Protein backbone atom coordinates (compact mmCIF):
# COMPACT_ATOMS: atom_id res chain seq x y z
CA MET A 1 33.03 -15.81 -11.90
CA SER A 2 30.09 -13.50 -10.45
CA SER A 3 27.30 -15.11 -9.65
CA PRO A 4 24.53 -13.90 -12.15
CA GLU A 5 22.38 -12.50 -8.68
CA GLN A 6 25.10 -10.34 -8.34
CA HIS A 7 24.89 -8.50 -12.12
CA SER A 8 23.67 -4.91 -11.78
CA LEU A 9 20.15 -4.53 -13.72
CA PRO A 10 19.70 -1.21 -16.22
CA PRO A 11 17.13 1.18 -14.18
CA ARG A 12 13.47 0.52 -15.16
CA ARG A 13 10.48 2.73 -15.18
CA VAL A 14 6.58 2.71 -14.22
CA GLY A 15 5.52 2.35 -17.47
CA GLY A 16 2.12 2.47 -19.27
CA ALA A 17 1.30 -1.31 -17.92
CA ALA A 18 1.84 -0.37 -14.24
CA THR A 19 0.01 2.99 -14.60
CA ALA A 20 -3.00 0.99 -16.04
CA PHE A 21 -3.09 -1.46 -13.07
CA ALA A 22 -3.37 1.18 -10.74
CA ILE A 23 -6.11 3.43 -12.64
CA LEU A 24 -7.98 -0.37 -13.13
CA ALA A 25 -7.76 -1.28 -9.42
CA ILE A 26 -8.87 2.13 -8.43
CA VAL A 27 -11.96 1.45 -10.23
CA CYS A 28 -12.89 -1.94 -9.07
CA ILE A 29 -11.98 -0.30 -5.38
CA THR A 30 -14.81 2.44 -6.13
CA GLY A 31 -17.13 0.28 -7.75
CA PHE A 32 -16.96 -2.59 -4.98
CA GLY A 33 -17.85 0.82 -2.44
CA ILE A 34 -20.39 1.85 -4.36
CA TRP A 35 -21.87 -1.52 -4.55
CA LEU A 36 -21.27 -2.05 -0.35
CA ARG A 37 -23.42 1.57 -0.22
CA LEU A 38 -26.68 0.52 -2.02
CA GLU A 39 -26.20 -3.41 -0.21
CA GLY A 40 -26.07 -1.32 3.32
CA GLY A 41 -22.67 -2.27 3.90
CA TYR A 42 -23.45 -5.61 4.97
CA PRO A 43 -20.04 -8.01 4.97
CA THR A 44 -19.50 -10.70 2.27
CA GLY A 45 -19.50 -14.44 2.50
CA ILE A 46 -15.52 -14.32 2.37
CA ASP A 47 -15.64 -11.45 5.04
CA THR A 48 -17.97 -13.73 7.43
CA TRP A 49 -16.11 -16.33 7.13
CA TRP A 50 -12.80 -14.64 7.60
CA TYR A 51 -14.01 -13.04 10.29
CA GLY A 52 -14.85 -16.28 12.32
CA ILE A 53 -11.06 -17.60 12.13
CA ALA A 54 -8.59 -14.29 12.09
CA GLY A 55 -9.47 -13.46 15.44
CA VAL A 56 -6.89 -13.82 18.11
CA PRO A 57 -7.31 -14.53 21.65
CA VAL A 58 -6.68 -12.12 24.59
CA GLY A 59 -3.59 -11.88 26.03
CA SER A 60 -1.94 -14.08 23.35
CA PHE A 61 1.32 -13.27 21.84
CA GLY A 62 -0.70 -12.54 18.11
CA LEU A 63 -2.59 -9.95 19.97
CA VAL A 64 0.74 -8.18 20.94
CA ILE A 65 2.19 -8.37 17.23
CA ALA A 66 -1.48 -7.53 16.11
CA THR A 67 -1.78 -4.63 18.42
CA SER A 68 1.94 -3.30 17.74
CA LEU A 69 1.12 -3.27 14.33
CA HIS A 70 -1.83 -1.17 15.27
CA GLY A 71 -0.01 1.42 16.53
CA ILE A 72 2.83 1.81 13.68
CA GLY A 73 0.15 1.77 10.93
CA SER A 74 -2.07 4.67 12.83
CA ALA A 75 -2.13 7.92 10.85
CA PHE A 76 1.03 9.51 13.48
CA GLY A 77 2.90 6.22 12.72
CA VAL A 78 2.62 6.32 8.82
CA SER A 79 3.02 9.73 8.81
CA ALA A 80 6.39 9.73 10.81
CA CYS A 81 7.48 6.99 8.75
CA ILE A 82 6.57 8.64 5.99
CA ALA A 83 8.81 11.96 7.16
CA ILE A 84 11.80 10.22 7.78
CA ALA A 85 11.95 8.23 4.78
CA ALA A 86 11.11 11.63 2.78
CA ALA A 87 13.90 13.54 5.43
CA ALA A 88 16.39 10.69 4.37
CA LEU A 89 16.20 10.97 0.78
CA ILE A 90 16.38 14.99 0.71
CA ALA A 91 19.52 14.67 2.78
CA ALA A 92 20.63 12.06 -0.03
CA LYS A 93 19.80 14.66 -2.70
CA ARG A 94 17.08 12.50 -4.13
CA TRP A 95 14.19 15.56 -3.82
CA ARG A 96 12.28 13.51 -6.62
CA ASP A 97 11.94 9.99 -4.65
CA ALA A 98 10.90 12.05 -1.48
CA ALA A 99 8.09 13.76 -3.49
CA GLY A 100 7.06 10.35 -4.72
CA VAL A 101 6.61 8.86 -1.32
CA VAL A 102 4.91 11.82 0.32
CA THR A 103 2.64 12.13 -2.71
CA ALA A 104 2.03 8.02 -2.52
CA GLY A 105 0.87 9.04 1.03
CA ALA A 106 -1.09 11.81 -0.48
CA ILE A 107 -3.14 10.30 -2.61
CA GLY A 108 -3.66 7.41 -0.39
CA VAL A 109 -5.02 9.50 2.07
CA THR A 110 -7.51 11.47 0.06
CA GLY A 111 -8.91 8.48 -1.72
CA SER A 112 -9.06 6.26 1.86
CA GLU A 113 -10.72 8.75 3.27
CA SER A 114 -13.29 10.04 1.04
CA LEU A 115 -14.34 6.32 -0.08
CA LYS A 116 -14.56 5.91 4.07
CA LEU A 117 -17.34 8.87 4.10
CA PHE A 118 -18.80 7.62 0.61
CA VAL A 119 -19.43 3.95 1.95
CA GLY A 120 -20.07 4.52 5.27
CA ARG A 121 -19.33 0.89 6.31
CA VAL A 122 -19.92 -0.09 9.82
CA ARG A 123 -17.05 -1.80 11.66
CA PRO A 124 -17.60 -5.59 12.37
CA PRO A 125 -18.64 -6.11 16.09
CA GLY A 126 -16.14 -7.34 18.96
CA ALA A 127 -12.75 -5.41 17.86
CA LEU A 128 -10.17 -5.96 20.28
CA VAL A 129 -8.78 -2.33 20.31
CA VAL A 130 -10.65 1.24 20.32
CA GLU A 131 -10.80 2.30 16.59
CA THR A 132 -13.71 5.25 15.28
CA GLY A 133 -14.72 5.89 11.66
CA PHE A 134 -15.91 3.90 9.05
CA SER A 135 -14.51 0.79 7.40
CA TYR A 136 -14.53 0.71 4.02
CA PRO A 137 -11.51 1.10 2.85
CA SER A 138 -8.59 0.22 5.57
CA GLY A 139 -6.71 2.99 6.26
CA HIS A 140 -3.86 1.03 8.07
CA SER A 141 -3.55 -1.44 4.87
CA MET A 142 -3.69 1.41 2.50
CA GLY A 143 -0.91 3.34 4.63
CA ALA A 144 1.52 0.12 5.11
CA ALA A 145 1.09 -0.33 1.18
CA ALA A 146 1.58 2.76 0.01
CA LEU A 147 4.55 3.24 1.89
CA ALA A 148 6.16 -0.15 1.37
CA THR A 149 5.50 0.26 -2.16
CA ALA A 150 6.92 3.44 -2.93
CA LEU A 151 10.49 2.42 -1.04
CA ALA A 152 10.59 -0.93 -3.08
CA LEU A 153 9.86 0.95 -6.18
CA LEU A 154 13.06 2.88 -5.00
CA VAL A 155 15.06 -0.43 -5.40
CA ILE A 156 13.19 -1.86 -7.80
CA THR A 157 13.87 1.13 -10.50
CA ALA A 158 16.84 2.34 -9.25
CA GLU A 159 20.12 2.76 -11.46
CA GLN A 160 22.67 -0.24 -11.45
CA ARG A 161 19.90 -2.13 -8.64
CA SER A 162 21.16 -5.91 -8.64
CA ARG A 163 18.28 -8.76 -9.11
CA ALA A 164 18.47 -9.91 -5.21
CA ALA A 165 17.94 -6.38 -4.22
CA ALA A 166 14.59 -5.95 -6.06
CA ARG A 167 13.74 -9.23 -5.69
CA TRP A 168 13.61 -8.51 -1.79
CA ALA A 169 12.68 -5.20 -1.98
CA ALA A 170 9.39 -6.79 -3.69
CA VAL A 171 9.36 -9.61 -0.55
CA GLY A 172 10.01 -6.96 2.16
CA ALA A 173 6.82 -5.04 0.80
CA VAL A 174 4.43 -7.68 0.20
CA THR A 175 5.32 -9.21 3.87
CA TRP A 176 4.83 -5.81 5.36
CA ILE A 177 1.35 -5.55 3.89
CA LEU A 178 0.02 -8.66 4.44
CA PHE A 179 1.08 -8.33 7.86
CA MET A 180 -0.94 -4.95 8.54
CA MET A 181 -4.07 -6.68 6.63
CA TRP A 182 -3.93 -9.70 8.71
CA SER A 183 -3.30 -7.66 11.74
CA ARG A 184 -6.62 -5.53 11.12
CA THR A 185 -8.66 -8.84 10.78
CA ALA A 186 -6.98 -10.37 13.79
CA LEU A 187 -7.92 -7.17 16.00
CA GLN A 188 -11.63 -7.61 14.52
CA VAL A 189 -11.61 -3.52 13.07
CA HIS A 190 -11.91 -4.66 9.74
CA TRP A 191 -13.37 -7.25 7.22
CA ILE A 192 -11.36 -8.71 5.06
CA THR A 193 -12.70 -6.87 1.74
CA ASP A 194 -11.80 -3.91 3.66
CA THR A 195 -8.08 -4.91 3.89
CA VAL A 196 -7.91 -6.05 0.34
CA ALA A 197 -9.01 -2.52 -0.86
CA GLY A 198 -6.92 -0.86 1.32
CA ALA A 199 -3.95 -2.44 0.01
CA LEU A 200 -5.04 -2.54 -3.59
CA LEU A 201 -5.41 1.37 -2.79
CA GLY A 202 -1.89 2.30 -1.12
CA VAL A 203 0.00 0.15 -3.93
CA SER A 204 -1.85 1.94 -6.80
CA ALA A 205 -1.38 5.49 -5.16
CA ALA A 206 2.31 4.11 -5.16
CA ILE A 207 2.51 3.73 -8.85
CA LEU A 208 0.74 6.53 -9.95
CA ALA A 209 3.00 8.69 -7.64
CA ARG A 210 6.44 6.72 -8.37
CA GLY A 211 4.97 7.58 -12.36
CA ILE A 212 4.50 11.23 -11.57
CA TRP A 213 7.69 11.88 -9.82
CA GLN A 214 10.25 9.63 -11.94
CA PRO A 215 12.62 11.17 -13.84
CA ARG A 216 12.39 11.45 -17.25
CA ALA A 217 13.70 8.95 -19.75
CA PRO A 218 17.02 10.14 -21.94
CA ARG A 219 15.80 11.32 -25.52
CA SER A 220 16.79 8.20 -27.23
CA VAL A 221 14.92 6.28 -24.87
CA GLU A 222 12.19 8.74 -25.67
CA ALA A 223 12.87 8.06 -29.74
CA ALA A 224 13.03 4.42 -29.61
CA THR A 225 9.73 4.15 -27.90
CA GLY A 226 8.14 6.87 -29.62
CA SER A 227 8.96 5.66 -33.00
CA GLY A 228 7.76 2.45 -33.00
């Protein structure tokens, strides 16, 4: 007999609850940004605490990993990854999915850059790599979260997906996002609240983009949900 882990699951859709979470997250990120601007952008207690323990020694293996993630998560790196993913999806004739990945990046970048300019938070001292621009939110964390979440949603909402595939897609996305968040604070180019805001923004952008581009539900499903 086949294991329950091997059973296929019916396709899922990004529904109202996920969309509401994304919108609420963006409201909270924006609200915290407004508070930071009013307070001068100074680090919070958790920012200074994490800053004191997150740094990596010069010449360490941790610095090598963090620096590598710095390059991968750059604007060029994320743009290249999005372009590759979109091209692969277009080649597979999944143009809606390709559009969703690109849209997630566009929403995330627009939100991130707008908040950076509005909040104007200064980066932490002692950066281990050269970085320009403002600190809140973390663009690297946003880009990693937007791309990882967008790709994970393709698996999680796919037709005939398996429980194992959905689980591993979610685990992989969360792991990648956390590593990128860690790297930004390890290199001392962001406060931890910058990375949390960036990650939430990226996840929210991916959810909204998937909601925009996901295929319409069958008429039978629309009728069942609309008649309640």
